[in-house]
PDB file of N, CA and C in Angstrom:
ATOM      1  N   MET A   1      40.262  88.443  68.856  1.00  0.00           N
ATOM      2  CA  MET A   1      40.541  87.646  68.076  1.00  0.00           C
ATOM      3  C   MET A   1      39.651  86.900  67.674  1.00  0.00           C
ATOM      4  N   ILE A   2      39.444  86.733  66.101  1.00  0.00           N
ATOM      5  CA  ILE A   2      38.281  86.274  65.486  1.00  0.00           C
ATOM      6  C   ILE A   2      38.722  84.717  65.131  1.00  0.00           C
ATOM      7  N   ARG A   3      37.924  83.605  65.425  1.00  0.00           N
ATOM      8  CA  ARG A   3      38.402  82.287  65.376  1.00  0.00           C
ATOM      9  C   ARG A   3      37.225  81.734  64.426  1.00  0.00           C
ATOM     10  N   ASP A   4      37.800  81.423  63.059  1.00  0.00           N
ATOM     11  CA  ASP A   4      36.909  80.879  62.067  1.00  0.00           C
ATOM     12  C   ASP A   4      36.985  79.488  62.667  1.00  0.00           C
ATOM     13  N   ARG A   5      35.526  78.704  62.365  1.00  0.00           N
ATOM     14  CA  ARG A   5      35.605  77.174  62.802  1.00  0.00           C
ATOM     15  C   ARG A   5      35.598  76.412  61.307  1.00  0.00           C
ATOM     16  N   GLY A   6      35.499  77.171  60.129  1.00  0.00           N
ATOM     17  CA  GLY A   6      35.569  76.501  58.799  1.00  0.00           C
ATOM     18  C   GLY A   6      34.326  75.905  58.560  1.00  0.00           C
ATOM     19  N   THR A   7      34.271  74.790  58.038  1.00  0.00           N
ATOM     20  CA  THR A   7      33.026  74.374  57.667  1.00  0.00           C
ATOM     21  C   THR A   7      32.252  73.741  58.920  1.00  0.00           C
ATOM     22  N   ILE A   8      32.694  73.649  59.905  1.00  0.00           N
ATOM     23  CA  ILE A   8      31.909  73.063  60.991  1.00  0.00           C
ATOM     24  C   ILE A   8      30.720  73.890  61.213  1.00  0.00           C
ATOM     25  N   LYS A   9      30.907  75.359  61.008  1.00  0.00           N
ATOM     26  CA  LYS A   9      29.705  76.339  61.346  1.00  0.00           C
ATOM     27  C   LYS A   9      28.542  76.188  60.382  1.00  0.00           C
ATOM     28  N   TRP A  10      28.795  75.645  59.091  1.00  0.00           N
ATOM     29  CA  TRP A  10      27.843  75.327  58.111  1.00  0.00           C
ATOM     30  C   TRP A  10      27.174  73.896  58.158  1.00  0.00           C
ATOM     31  N   THR A  11      27.554  72.866  59.087  1.00  0.00           N
ATOM     32  CA  THR A  11      27.158  71.740  58.955  1.00  0.00           C
ATOM     33  C   THR A  11      25.705  71.791  60.058  1.00  0.00           C
ATOM     34  N   ALA A  12      25.486  72.756  60.847  1.00  0.00           N
ATOM     35  CA  ALA A  12      24.303  72.831  61.614  1.00  0.00           C
ATOM     36  C   ALA A  12      23.114  73.174  60.445  1.00  0.00           C
ATOM     37  N   MET A  13      23.268  73.948  59.570  1.00  0.00           N
ATOM     38  CA  MET A  13      22.512  74.230  58.583  1.00  0.00           C
ATOM     39  C   MET A  13      22.355  73.174  57.581  1.00  0.00           C
ATOM     40  N   MET A  14      23.029  72.128  57.481  1.00  0.00           N
ATOM     41  CA  MET A  14      22.843  71.164  56.434  1.00  0.00           C
ATOM     42  C   MET A  14      22.066  70.023  56.900  1.00  0.00           C
ATOM     43  N   LEU A  15      21.081  69.202  55.690  1.00  0.00           N
ATOM     44  CA  LEU A  15      20.871  67.999  55.982  1.00  0.00           C
ATOM     45  C   LEU A  15      21.842  66.818  56.447  1.00  0.00           C
ATOM     46  N   PRO A  16      21.529  65.861  57.433  1.00  0.00           N
ATOM     47  CA  PRO A  16      22.766  64.835  57.482  1.00  0.00           C
ATOM     48  C   PRO A  16      23.180  64.372  56.041  1.00  0.00           C
ATOM     49  N   GLU A  17      22.321  64.044  55.182  1.00  0.00           N
ATOM     50  CA  GLU A  17      22.680  63.340  53.847  1.00  0.00           C
ATOM     51  C   GLU A  17      23.396  64.220  53.265  1.00  0.00           C
ATOM     52  N   HIS A  18      23.586  65.807  53.228  1.00  0.00           N
ATOM     53  CA  HIS A  18      24.379  66.191  52.486  1.00  0.00           C
ATOM     54  C   HIS A  18      25.821  66.194  53.135  1.00  0.00           C
ATOM     55  N   VAL A  19      25.664  66.336  54.549  1.00  0.00           N
ATOM     56  CA  VAL A  19      27.001  66.405  55.304  1.00  0.00           C
ATOM     57  C   VAL A  19      27.868  64.810  54.945  1.00  0.00           C
ATOM     58  N   LYS A  20      27.245  63.535  54.891  1.00  0.00           N
ATOM     59  CA  LYS A  20      27.494  62.513  54.602  1.00  0.00           C
ATOM     60  C   LYS A  20      28.062  62.487  53.134  1.00  0.00           C
ATOM     61  N   MET A  21      27.373  63.043  52.265  1.00  0.00           N
ATOM     62  CA  MET A  21      27.817  63.125  50.850  1.00  0.00           C
ATOM     63  C   MET A  21      29.247  64.275  50.732  1.00  0.00           C
ATOM     64  N   LEU A  22      29.244  65.124  51.325  1.00  0.00           N
ATOM     65  CA  LEU A  22      30.519  65.801  51.463  1.00  0.00           C
ATOM     66  C   LEU A  22      31.739  65.132  51.957  1.00  0.00           C
ATOM     67  N   ARG A  23      31.391  64.435  53.298  1.00  0.00           N
ATOM     68  CA  ARG A  23      32.407  63.670  53.669  1.00  0.00           C
ATOM     69  C   ARG A  23      33.018  62.543  52.842  1.00  0.00           C
ATOM     70  N   ASP A  24      32.070  61.974  52.161  1.00  0.00           N
ATOM     71  CA  ASP A  24      32.270  60.784  51.079  1.00  0.00           C
ATOM     72  C   ASP A  24      33.160  61.253  49.867  1.00  0.00           C
ATOM     73  N   HIS A  25      32.783  62.631  49.589  1.00  0.00           N
ATOM     74  CA  HIS A  25      33.569  63.371  48.500  1.00  0.00           C
ATOM     75  C   HIS A  25      34.798  63.541  49.000  1.00  0.00           C
ATOM     76  N   GLN A  26      35.165  64.260  50.292  1.00  0.00           N
ATOM     77  CA  GLN A  26      36.377  64.598  50.524  1.00  0.00           C
ATOM     78  C   GLN A  26      37.427  63.400  50.964  1.00  0.00           C
ATOM     79  N   ASP A  27      36.575  62.289  51.223  1.00  0.00           N
ATOM     80  CA  ASP A  27      37.525  60.853  51.496  1.00  0.00           C
ATOM     81  C   ASP A  27      38.009  60.414  49.952  1.00  0.00           C
ATOM     82  N   GLY A  28      36.969  60.794  48.894  1.00  0.00           N
ATOM     83  CA  GLY A  28      37.497  60.015  47.718  1.00  0.00           C
ATOM     84  C   GLY A  28      38.642  60.937  46.847  1.00  0.00           C
ATOM     85  N   LEU A  29      38.962  62.266  47.307  1.00  0.00           N
ATOM     86  CA  LEU A  29      39.848  63.095  46.362  1.00  0.00           C
ATOM     87  C   LEU A  29      41.258  62.130  46.536  1.00  0.00           C
ATOM     88  N   ASP A  30      41.806  62.186  45.499  1.00  0.00           N
ATOM     89  CA  ASP A  30      42.985  61.298  45.618  1.00  0.00           C
ATOM     90  C   ASP A  30      43.864  62.382  45.630  1.00  0.00           C
ATOM     91  N   TYR A  31      44.910  62.454  46.917  1.00  0.00           N
ATOM     92  CA  TYR A  31      45.991  63.304  47.190  1.00  0.00           C
ATOM     93  C   TYR A  31      47.072  62.586  46.769  1.00  0.00           C
ATOM     94  N   GLY A  32      47.092  61.543  46.414  1.00  0.00           N
ATOM     95  CA  GLY A  32      48.334  60.679  45.951  1.00  0.00           C
ATOM     96  C   GLY A  32      48.746  59.928  47.025  1.00  0.00           C
ATOM     97  N   ARG A  33      49.182  58.570  46.654  1.00  0.00           N
ATOM     98  CA  ARG A  33      49.528  57.938  47.686  1.00  0.00           C
ATOM     99  C   ARG A  33      51.280  57.489  47.679  1.00  0.00           C
ATOM    100  N   LYS A  34      51.691  57.227  48.513  1.00  0.00           N
ATOM    101  CA  LYS A  34      53.217  57.231  48.531  1.00  0.00           C
ATOM    102  C   LYS A  34      53.471  55.715  48.105  1.00  0.00           C
ATOM    103  N   PRO A  35      54.420  55.330  47.281  1.00  0.00           N
ATOM    104  CA  PRO A  35      54.505  54.051  47.005  1.00  0.00           C
ATOM    105  C   PRO A  35      55.235  53.379  47.921  1.00  0.00           C
ATOM    106  N   GLU A  36      54.823  52.394  48.116  1.00  0.00           N
ATOM    107  CA  GLU A  36      55.594  51.274  49.286  1.00  0.00           C
ATOM    108  C   GLU A  36      56.972  50.727  48.730  1.00  0.00           C
ATOM    109  N   LEU A  37      58.091  50.731  49.328  1.00  0.00           N
ATOM    110  CA  LEU A  37      59.270  50.325  48.962  1.00  0.00           C
ATOM    111  C   LEU A  37      59.732  49.172  49.818  1.00  0.00           C
ATOM    112  N   ASP A  38      60.544  48.362  49.188  1.00  0.00           N
ATOM    113  CA  ASP A  38      60.934  47.213  49.793  1.00  0.00           C
ATOM    114  C   ASP A  38      62.307  47.338  50.485  1.00  0.00           C
ATOM    115  N   GLU A  39      62.912  46.460  51.120  1.00  0.00           N
ATOM    116  CA  GLU A  39      63.942  46.238  51.825  1.00  0.00           C
ATOM    117  C   GLU A  39      65.196  46.594  50.753  1.00  0.00           C
ATOM    118  N   GLN A  40      65.058  46.068  49.612  1.00  0.00           N
ATOM    119  CA  GLN A  40      66.077  46.081  48.619  1.00  0.00           C
ATOM    120  C   GLN A  40      66.175  47.312  48.034  1.00  0.00           C
ATOM    121  N   LYS A  41      65.184  48.069  47.992  1.00  0.00           N
ATOM    122  CA  LYS A  41      65.358  49.499  47.675  1.00  0.00           C
ATOM    123  C   LYS A  41      65.899  50.345  48.681  1.00  0.00           C
ATOM    124  N   TYR A  42      65.795  50.046  50.129  1.00  0.00           N
ATOM    125  CA  TYR A  42      66.407  50.771  51.040  1.00  0.00           C
ATOM    126  C   TYR A  42      67.508  50.526  51.221  1.00  0.00           C
ATOM    127  N   GLU A  43      68.101  49.495  50.662  1.00  0.00           N
ATOM    128  CA  GLU A  43      69.819  49.002  50.802  1.00  0.00           C
ATOM    129  C   GLU A  43      70.328  49.872  49.626  1.00  0.00           C
ATOM    130  N   GLU A  44      69.570  50.079  48.467  1.00  0.00           N
ATOM    131  CA  GLU A  44      70.186  50.540  47.430  1.00  0.00           C
ATOM    132  C   GLU A  44      70.212  52.130  47.864  1.00  0.00           C
ATOM    133  N   PHE A  45      69.519  52.674  48.476  1.00  0.00           N
ATOM    134  CA  PHE A  45      69.430  53.983  49.160  1.00  0.00           C
ATOM    135  C   PHE A  45      70.762  54.180  50.018  1.00  0.00           C
ATOM    136  N   ASN A  46      70.786  53.162  51.063  1.00  0.00           N
ATOM    137  CA  ASN A  46      71.910  53.142  51.855  1.00  0.00           C
ATOM    138  C   ASN A  46      73.342  53.215  51.271  1.00  0.00           C
ATOM    139  N   GLU A  47      73.359  52.512  50.187  1.00  0.00           N
ATOM    140  CA  GLU A  47      74.715  52.478  49.429  1.00  0.00           C
ATOM    141  C   GLU A  47      75.059  53.554  48.676  1.00  0.00           C
ATOM    142  N   ALA A  48      74.115  54.396  48.007  1.00  0.00           N
ATOM    143  CA  ALA A  48      74.114  55.477  47.660  1.00  0.00           C
ATOM    144  C   ALA A  48      74.529  56.810  48.551  1.00  0.00           C
ATOM    145  N   ILE A  49      74.095  56.546  49.467  1.00  0.00           N
ATOM    146  CA  ILE A  49      74.301  57.599  50.677  1.00  0.00           C
ATOM    147  C   ILE A  49      75.492  57.338  51.112  1.00  0.00           C
ATOM    148  N   CYS A  50      75.926  56.403  51.439  1.00  0.00           N
ATOM    149  CA  CYS A  50      77.465  56.145  51.708  1.00  0.00           C
ATOM    150  C   CYS A  50      78.428  56.373  50.963  1.00  0.00           C
ATOM    151  N   ILE A  51      78.189  56.056  49.453  1.00  0.00           N
ATOM    152  CA  ILE A  51      79.100  56.709  48.539  1.00  0.00           C
ATOM    153  C   ILE A  51      79.199  57.956  48.243  1.00  0.00           C
ATOM    154  N   ALA A  52      77.822  58.607  48.294  1.00  0.00           N
ATOM    155  CA  ALA A  52      78.035  60.037  48.184  1.00  0.00           C
ATOM    156  C   ALA A  52      78.667  60.820  49.143  1.00  0.00           C
ATOM    157  N   MET A  53      78.379  60.290  50.488  1.00  0.00           N
ATOM    158  CA  MET A  53      79.058  61.190  51.728  1.00  0.00           C
ATOM    159  C   MET A  53      80.687  61.003  51.706  1.00  0.00           C
ATOM    160  N   GLU A  54      81.003  59.599  50.996  1.00  0.00           N
ATOM    161  CA  GLU A  54      82.468  59.426  51.345  1.00  0.00           C
ATOM    162  C   GLU A  54      83.071  60.217  50.018  1.00  0.00           C
ATOM    163  N   GLU A  55      82.620  60.227  48.928  1.00  0.00           N
ATOM    164  CA  GLU A  55      83.162  60.832  47.951  1.00  0.00           C
ATOM    165  C   GLU A  55      82.592  62.248  47.658  1.00  0.00           C
ATOM    166  N   ASN A  56      81.902  63.001  48.667  1.00  0.00           N
ATOM    167  CA  ASN A  56      81.236  64.407  48.240  1.00  0.00           C
ATOM    168  C   ASN A  56      80.581  64.483  47.153  1.00  0.00           C
ATOM    169  N   HIS A  57      79.778  63.604  46.629  1.00  0.00           N
ATOM    170  CA  HIS A  57      78.616  63.580  45.502  1.00  0.00           C
ATOM    171  C   HIS A  57      77.356  64.330  45.704  1.00  0.00           C
ATOM    172  N   THR A  58      77.085  64.834  44.939  1.00  0.00           N
ATOM    173  CA  THR A  58      75.686  65.347  44.856  1.00  0.00           C
ATOM    174  C   THR A  58      74.578  64.442  44.484  1.00  0.00           C
ATOM    175  N   LEU A  59      73.439  64.443  45.153  1.00  0.00           N
ATOM    176  CA  LEU A  59      72.340  63.253  44.823  1.00  0.00           C
ATOM    177  C   LEU A  59      71.225  64.341  44.599  1.00  0.00           C
ATOM    178  N   LYS A  60      70.181  63.358  44.099  1.00  0.00           N
ATOM    179  CA  LYS A  60      68.886  63.975  43.524  1.00  0.00           C
ATOM    180  C   LYS A  60      68.092  63.347  44.265  1.00  0.00           C
ATOM    181  N   PHE A  61      67.387  63.945  45.216  1.00  0.00           N
ATOM    182  CA  PHE A  61      66.169  63.062  45.900  1.00  0.00           C
ATOM    183  C   PHE A  61      65.004  63.381  45.573  1.00  0.00           C
ATOM    184  N   THR A  62      64.246  62.349  45.171  1.00  0.00           N
ATOM    185  CA  THR A  62      62.795  62.232  44.908  1.00  0.00           C
ATOM    186  C   THR A  62      61.919  61.661  46.254  1.00  0.00           C
ATOM    187  N   TYR A  63      61.365  62.719  46.827  1.00  0.00           N
ATOM    188  CA  TYR A  63      60.480  62.348  47.966  1.00  0.00           C
ATOM    189  C   TYR A  63      58.899  62.785  48.013  1.00  0.00           C
ATOM    190  N   PHE A  64      58.344  62.161  48.916  1.00  0.00           N
ATOM    191  CA  PHE A  64      56.931  62.481  48.918  1.00  0.00           C
ATOM    192  C   PHE A  64      56.299  63.589  50.229  1.00  0.00           C
ATOM    193  N   GLU A  65      55.746  64.391  49.559  1.00  0.00           N
ATOM    194  CA  GLU A  65      55.436  65.729  50.493  1.00  0.00           C
ATOM    195  C   GLU A  65      54.196  66.178  50.147  1.00  0.00           C
ATOM    196  N   ARG A  66      53.136  66.071  51.051  1.00  0.00           N
ATOM    197  CA  ARG A  66      51.885  66.640  51.063  1.00  0.00           C
ATOM    198  C   ARG A  66      50.989  65.909  50.005  1.00  0.00           C
ATOM    199  N   GLY A  67      51.221  65.053  49.714  1.00  0.00           N
ATOM    200  CA  GLY A  67      50.545  64.112  48.733  1.00  0.00           C
ATOM    201  C   GLY A  67      50.972  64.336  47.150  1.00  0.00           C
ATOM    202  N   ARG A  68      52.284  64.961  46.924  1.00  0.00           N
ATOM    203  CA  ARG A  68      52.596  64.851  45.873  1.00  0.00           C
ATOM    204  C   ARG A  68      54.431  64.712  45.746  1.00  0.00           C
ATOM    205  N   SER A  69      55.047  64.243  44.802  1.00  0.00           N
ATOM    206  CA  SER A  69      56.317  64.236  44.680  1.00  0.00           C
ATOM    207  C   SER A  69      57.095  65.320  44.708  1.00  0.00           C
ATOM    208  N   ALA A  70      58.164  65.694  45.375  1.00  0.00           N
ATOM    209  CA  ALA A  70      59.142  66.740  45.249  1.00  0.00           C
ATOM    210  C   ALA A  70      60.377  66.097  44.923  1.00  0.00           C
ATOM    211  N   GLU A  71      61.348  67.343  44.350  1.00  0.00           N
ATOM    212  CA  GLU A  71      62.943  66.720  44.222  1.00  0.00           C
ATOM    213  C   GLU A  71      63.593  67.879  44.771  1.00  0.00           C
ATOM    214  N   ILE A  72      64.768  67.509  45.262  1.00  0.00           N
ATOM    215  CA  ILE A  72      65.870  68.471  45.545  1.00  0.00           C
ATOM    216  C   ILE A  72      67.230  67.601  45.248  1.00  0.00           C
ATOM    217  N   LYS A  73      68.061  68.523  44.984  1.00  0.00           N
ATOM    218  CA  LYS A  73      69.591  68.276  44.578  1.00  0.00           C
ATOM    219  C   LYS A  73      70.328  68.949  45.727  1.00  0.00           C
ATOM    220  N   GLY A  74      71.248  67.897  46.295  1.00  0.00           N
ATOM    221  CA  GLY A  74      72.316  68.315  47.293  1.00  0.00           C
ATOM    222  C   GLY A  74      72.888  67.263  47.757  1.00  0.00           C
ATOM    223  N   ARG A  75      73.916  67.647  48.863  1.00  0.00           N
ATOM    224  CA  ARG A  75      74.738  66.682  49.422  1.00  0.00           C
ATOM    225  C   ARG A  75      74.135  66.208  50.827  1.00  0.00           C
ATOM    226  N   VAL A  76      74.540  65.035  51.155  1.00  0.00           N
ATOM    227  CA  VAL A  76      74.082  64.611  52.366  1.00  0.00           C
ATOM    228  C   VAL A  76      74.978  65.044  53.579  1.00  0.00           C
ATOM    229  N   HIS A  77      74.455  66.087  54.497  1.00  0.00           N
ATOM    230  CA  HIS A  77      75.331  66.373  55.432  1.00  0.00           C
ATOM    231  C   HIS A  77      75.206  65.643  56.960  1.00  0.00           C
ATOM    232  N   TYR A  78      74.283  65.089  56.872  1.00  0.00           N
ATOM    233  CA  TYR A  78      74.359  64.450  58.409  1.00  0.00           C
ATOM    234  C   TYR A  78      73.085  63.319  58.255  1.00  0.00           C
ATOM    235  N   VAL A  79      73.296  61.979  58.743  1.00  0.00           N
ATOM    236  CA  VAL A  79      72.397  60.951  58.654  1.00  0.00           C
ATOM    237  C   VAL A  79      71.950  60.711  60.329  1.00  0.00           C
ATOM    238  N   ASP A  80      70.958  60.964  60.661  1.00  0.00           N
ATOM    239  CA  ASP A  80      70.405  60.664  62.013  1.00  0.00           C
ATOM    240  C   ASP A  80      69.585  59.312  61.950  1.00  0.00           C
ATOM    241  N   GLU A  81      70.295  58.313  62.664  1.00  0.00           N
ATOM    242  CA  GLU A  81      69.790  57.136  62.704  1.00  0.00           C
ATOM    243  C   GLU A  81      68.606  56.721  63.577  1.00  0.00           C
ATOM    244  N   PHE A  82      68.511  57.737  64.746  1.00  0.00           N
ATOM    245  CA  PHE A  82      67.351  57.553  65.852  1.00  0.00           C
ATOM    246  C   PHE A  82      66.232  58.232  65.163  1.00  0.00           C
ATOM    247  N   LYS A  83      66.230  59.189  64.555  1.00  0.00           N
ATOM    248  CA  LYS A  83      64.957  60.053  64.177  1.00  0.00           C
ATOM    249  C   LYS A  83      64.636  59.476  62.495  1.00  0.00           C
ATOM    250  N   LYS A  84      65.886  58.767  61.939  1.00  0.00           N
ATOM    251  CA  LYS A  84      65.345  58.266  60.729  1.00  0.00           C
ATOM    252  C   LYS A  84      65.303  59.520  59.547  1.00  0.00           C
ATOM    253  N   GLU A  85      66.271  60.365  59.889  1.00  0.00           N
ATOM    254  CA  GLU A  85      66.092  61.699  58.970  1.00  0.00           C
ATOM    255  C   GLU A  85      67.483  61.978  58.182  1.00  0.00           C
ATOM    256  N   LEU A  86      67.676  62.377  57.354  1.00  0.00           N
ATOM    257  CA  LEU A  86      68.732  62.845  56.617  1.00  0.00           C
ATOM    258  C   LEU A  86      68.484  64.427  56.349  1.00  0.00           C
ATOM    259  N   ARG A  87      69.856  65.090  56.797  1.00  0.00           N
ATOM    260  CA  ARG A  87      69.925  66.476  56.501  1.00  0.00           C
ATOM    261  C   ARG A  87      70.760  66.643  55.105  1.00  0.00           C
ATOM    262  N   VAL A  88      70.083  67.397  54.318  1.00  0.00           N
ATOM    263  CA  VAL A  88      70.706  67.453  53.214  1.00  0.00           C
ATOM    264  C   VAL A  88      70.841  69.088  52.712  1.00  0.00           C
ATOM    265  N   MET A  89      72.206  69.207  52.305  1.00  0.00           N
ATOM    266  CA  MET A  89      72.580  70.568  51.824  1.00  0.00           C
ATOM    267  C   MET A  89      72.375  71.048  50.459  1.00  0.00           C
ATOM    268  N   ASP A  90      71.457  71.826  50.032  1.00  0.00           N
ATOM    269  CA  ASP A  90      71.252  72.170  48.684  1.00  0.00           C
ATOM    270  C   ASP A  90      72.435  73.163  48.011  1.00  0.00           C
ATOM    271  N   GLU A  91      72.264  73.605  46.952  1.00  0.00           N
ATOM    272  CA  GLU A  91      73.089  74.369  45.931  1.00  0.00           C
ATOM    273  C   GLU A  91      73.271  75.633  46.979  1.00  0.00           C
ATOM    274  N   ALA A  92      72.374  76.102  47.638  1.00  0.00           N
ATOM    275  CA  ALA A  92      72.094  77.351  48.092  1.00  0.00           C
ATOM    276  C   ALA A  92      72.805  77.219  49.555  1.00  0.00           C
ATOM    277  N   ASP A  93      73.027  76.190  50.031  1.00  0.00           N
ATOM    278  CA  ASP A  93      73.505  75.992  51.351  1.00  0.00           C
ATOM    279  C   ASP A  93      72.321  76.137  52.514  1.00  0.00           C
ATOM    280  N   ARG A  94      71.255  75.645  52.021  1.00  0.00           N
ATOM    281  CA  ARG A  94      70.217  75.730  52.898  1.00  0.00           C
ATOM    282  C   ARG A  94      70.021  74.060  53.292  1.00  0.00           C
ATOM    283  N   VAL A  95      69.720  73.743  54.622  1.00  0.00           N
ATOM    284  CA  VAL A  95      69.541  72.554  55.110  1.00  0.00           C
ATOM    285  C   VAL A  95      68.040  72.125  54.899  1.00  0.00           C
ATOM    286  N   HIS A  96      67.791  70.981  54.513  1.00  0.00           N
ATOM    287  CA  HIS A  96      66.519  70.303  54.265  1.00  0.00           C
ATOM    288  C   HIS A  96      66.582  68.981  55.329  1.00  0.00           C
ATOM    289  N   ILE A  97      65.530  68.794  56.046  1.00  0.00           N
ATOM    290  CA  ILE A  97      65.483  67.737  56.713  1.00  0.00           C
ATOM    291  C   ILE A  97      64.508  66.628  55.830  1.00  0.00           C
ATOM    292  N   LEU A  98      65.053  65.412  55.291  1.00  0.00           N
ATOM    293  CA  LEU A  98      64.291  64.375  54.742  1.00  0.00           C
ATOM    294  C   LEU A  98      64.040  63.180  55.475  1.00  0.00           C
ATOM    295  N   LYS A  99      62.793  62.631  55.720  1.00  0.00           N
ATOM    296  CA  LYS A  99      62.528  61.731  56.476  1.00  0.00           C
ATOM    297  C   LYS A  99      62.562  60.436  55.556  1.00  0.00           C
ATOM    298  N   VAL A 100      63.580  59.226  56.143  1.00  0.00           N
ATOM    299  CA  VAL A 100      64.025  58.373  55.140  1.00  0.00           C
ATOM    300  C   VAL A 100      62.732  57.692  54.800  1.00  0.00           C
ATOM    301  N   THR A 101      61.686  57.397  55.321  1.00  0.00           N
ATOM    302  CA  THR A 101      60.291  56.866  54.949  1.00  0.00           C
ATOM    303  C   THR A 101      59.838  57.532  53.912  1.00  0.00           C
ATOM    304  N   ASP A 102      59.961  58.941  53.600  1.00  0.00           N
ATOM    305  CA  ASP A 102      59.437  59.740  52.728  1.00  0.00           C
ATOM    306  C   ASP A 102      60.209  59.691  51.546  1.00  0.00           C
ATOM    307  N   ILE A 103      61.186  59.118  51.410  1.00  0.00           N
ATOM    308  CA  ILE A 103      61.982  59.165  50.383  1.00  0.00           C
ATOM    309  C   ILE A 103      61.764  58.091  49.152  1.00  0.00           C
ATOM    310  N   MET A 104      61.477  58.319  47.784  1.00  0.00           N
ATOM    311  CA  MET A 104      60.878  57.580  46.849  1.00  0.00           C
ATOM    312  C   MET A 104      62.130  57.179  45.960  1.00  0.00           C
ATOM    313  N   ASP A 105      63.080  58.087  45.849  1.00  0.00           N
ATOM    314  CA  ASP A 105      64.117  57.430  44.877  1.00  0.00           C
ATOM    315  C   ASP A 105      65.523  58.395  45.196  1.00  0.00           C
ATOM    316  N   ILE A 106      66.590  57.843  44.757  1.00  0.00           N
ATOM    317  CA  ILE A 106      67.868  58.738  45.133  1.00  0.00           C
ATOM    318  C   ILE A 106      68.652  58.527  43.683  1.00  0.00           C
ATOM    319  N   GLU A 107      69.355  59.385  43.005  1.00  0.00           N
ATOM    320  CA  GLU A 107      69.949  59.069  42.065  1.00  0.00           C
ATOM    321  C   GLU A 107      71.347  60.169  42.219  1.00  0.00           C
ATOM    322  N   PHE A 108      72.541  59.722  41.633  1.00  0.00           N
ATOM    323  CA  PHE A 108      73.585  60.497  41.497  1.00  0.00           C
ATOM    324  C   PHE A 108      73.353  61.538  40.331  1.00  0.00           C
ATOM    325  N   THR A 109      73.913  62.729  40.773  1.00  0.00           N
ATOM    326  CA  THR A 109      73.775  63.737  39.336  1.00  0.00           C
ATOM    327  C   THR A 109      75.102  64.145  38.835  1.00  0.00           C
TER     328      THR A 109
END
Protein backbone atom coordinates (compact mmCIF):
# COMPACT_ATOMS: atom_id res chain seq x y z
CA MET A 1 0.00 0.00 0.00
CA ILE A 2 1.41 3.36 -1.02
CA ARG A 3 1.16 6.18 1.51
CA ASP A 4 1.54 9.66 0.19
CA ARG A 5 2.93 12.15 2.70
CA GLY A 6 1.45 15.13 0.88
CA THR A 7 3.47 18.34 1.04
CA ILE A 8 5.72 17.03 3.81
CA LYS A 9 7.91 15.20 1.26
CA TRP A 10 8.68 18.46 -0.54
CA THR A 11 9.62 20.55 2.49
CA ALA A 12 13.02 18.87 2.74
CA MET A 13 13.97 20.34 -0.65
CA MET A 14 12.68 23.82 0.16
CA LEU A 15 14.40 26.69 1.88
CA PRO A 16 13.11 27.51 5.38
CA GLU A 17 12.02 30.94 4.14
CA HIS A 18 9.82 29.33 1.49
CA VAL A 19 8.28 26.94 4.00
CA LYS A 20 7.46 29.86 6.29
CA MET A 21 5.93 31.78 3.37
CA LEU A 22 3.74 28.81 2.43
CA ARG A 23 2.56 28.35 6.02
CA ASP A 24 1.76 32.07 6.32
CA HIS A 25 -0.17 31.90 3.07
CA GLN A 26 -2.15 28.85 4.23
CA ASP A 27 -3.00 30.54 7.54
CA GLY A 28 -4.08 33.69 5.72
CA LEU A 29 -6.66 31.94 3.56
CA ASP A 30 -10.15 32.83 4.65
CA TYR A 31 -12.27 29.72 4.95
CA GLY A 32 -15.05 31.75 6.49
CA ARG A 33 -15.71 32.35 10.13
CA LYS A 34 -18.77 31.19 11.98
CA PRO A 35 -20.57 34.17 13.46
CA GLU A 36 -20.81 34.24 17.24
CA LEU A 37 -24.37 34.10 18.52
CA ASP A 38 -25.67 35.45 21.80
CA GLU A 39 -27.98 33.84 24.35
CA GLN A 40 -31.04 35.66 22.99
CA LYS A 41 -30.56 34.07 19.56
CA TYR A 42 -30.29 30.60 21.15
CA GLU A 43 -33.53 31.28 23.04
CA GLU A 44 -35.23 32.15 19.75
CA PHE A 45 -33.91 28.90 18.27
CA ASN A 46 -35.25 26.97 21.26
CA GLU A 47 -38.68 28.55 20.94
CA ALA A 48 -38.86 27.88 17.19
CA ILE A 49 -37.80 24.25 17.66
CA CYS A 50 -40.36 23.68 20.43
CA ILE A 51 -43.20 25.16 18.36
CA ALA A 52 -42.14 23.20 15.26
CA MET A 53 -41.96 19.91 17.15
CA GLU A 54 -45.32 20.50 18.83
CA GLU A 55 -47.16 21.46 15.64
CA ASN A 56 -45.09 19.34 13.20
CA HIS A 57 -43.87 22.31 11.11
CA THR A 58 -41.02 22.31 8.64
CA LEU A 59 -38.02 24.51 9.46
CA LYS A 60 -35.19 25.86 7.33
CA PHE A 61 -31.84 25.55 9.09
CA THR A 62 -28.83 27.59 8.07
CA TYR A 63 -25.73 26.04 9.57
CA PHE A 64 -21.96 26.30 9.36
CA GLU A 65 -20.17 23.41 7.67
CA ARG A 66 -16.53 23.25 6.55
CA GLY A 67 -15.99 26.98 6.36
CA ARG A 68 -19.21 27.89 4.59
CA SER A 69 -22.90 28.11 5.29
CA ALA A 70 -25.32 25.40 4.19
CA GLU A 71 -29.09 25.07 4.34
CA ILE A 72 -31.46 22.21 4.98
CA LYS A 73 -35.24 22.05 5.21
CA GLY A 74 -36.86 19.49 7.42
CA ARG A 75 -38.64 18.56 10.60
CA VAL A 76 -36.93 18.18 13.95
CA HIS A 77 -37.13 14.49 14.81
CA TYR A 78 -35.15 14.41 18.06
CA VAL A 79 -33.24 16.79 20.32
CA ASP A 80 -30.22 15.31 22.11
CA GLU A 81 -29.55 17.57 25.08
CA PHE A 82 -26.39 15.77 26.20
CA LYS A 83 -24.61 15.91 22.85
CA LYS A 84 -26.27 19.24 21.96
CA GLU A 85 -27.43 17.93 18.61
CA LEU A 86 -30.61 17.99 16.56
CA ARG A 87 -31.76 15.16 14.34
CA VAL A 88 -33.56 16.64 11.36
CA MET A 89 -35.50 14.62 8.78
CA ASP A 90 -35.58 16.25 5.35
CA GLU A 91 -38.25 15.82 2.64
CA ALA A 92 -36.59 12.60 1.42
CA ASP A 93 -36.78 11.09 4.95
CA ARG A 94 -33.01 11.22 5.44
CA VAL A 95 -31.76 12.00 8.92
CA HIS A 96 -29.23 14.83 9.31
CA ILE A 97 -27.44 15.50 12.59
CA LEU A 98 -26.83 19.19 13.29
CA LYS A 99 -24.78 20.46 16.20
CA VAL A 100 -26.52 23.30 18.01
CA THR A 101 -23.30 25.32 18.03
CA ASP A 102 -23.10 25.13 14.20
CA ILE A 103 -26.60 26.49 13.60
CA MET A 104 -26.62 30.11 12.43
CA ASP A 105 -30.33 30.66 11.76
CA ILE A 106 -33.70 28.89 11.93
CA GLU A 107 -36.78 29.98 9.96
CA PHE A 108 -40.28 28.60 9.55
CA THR A 109 -41.15 27.60 5.98
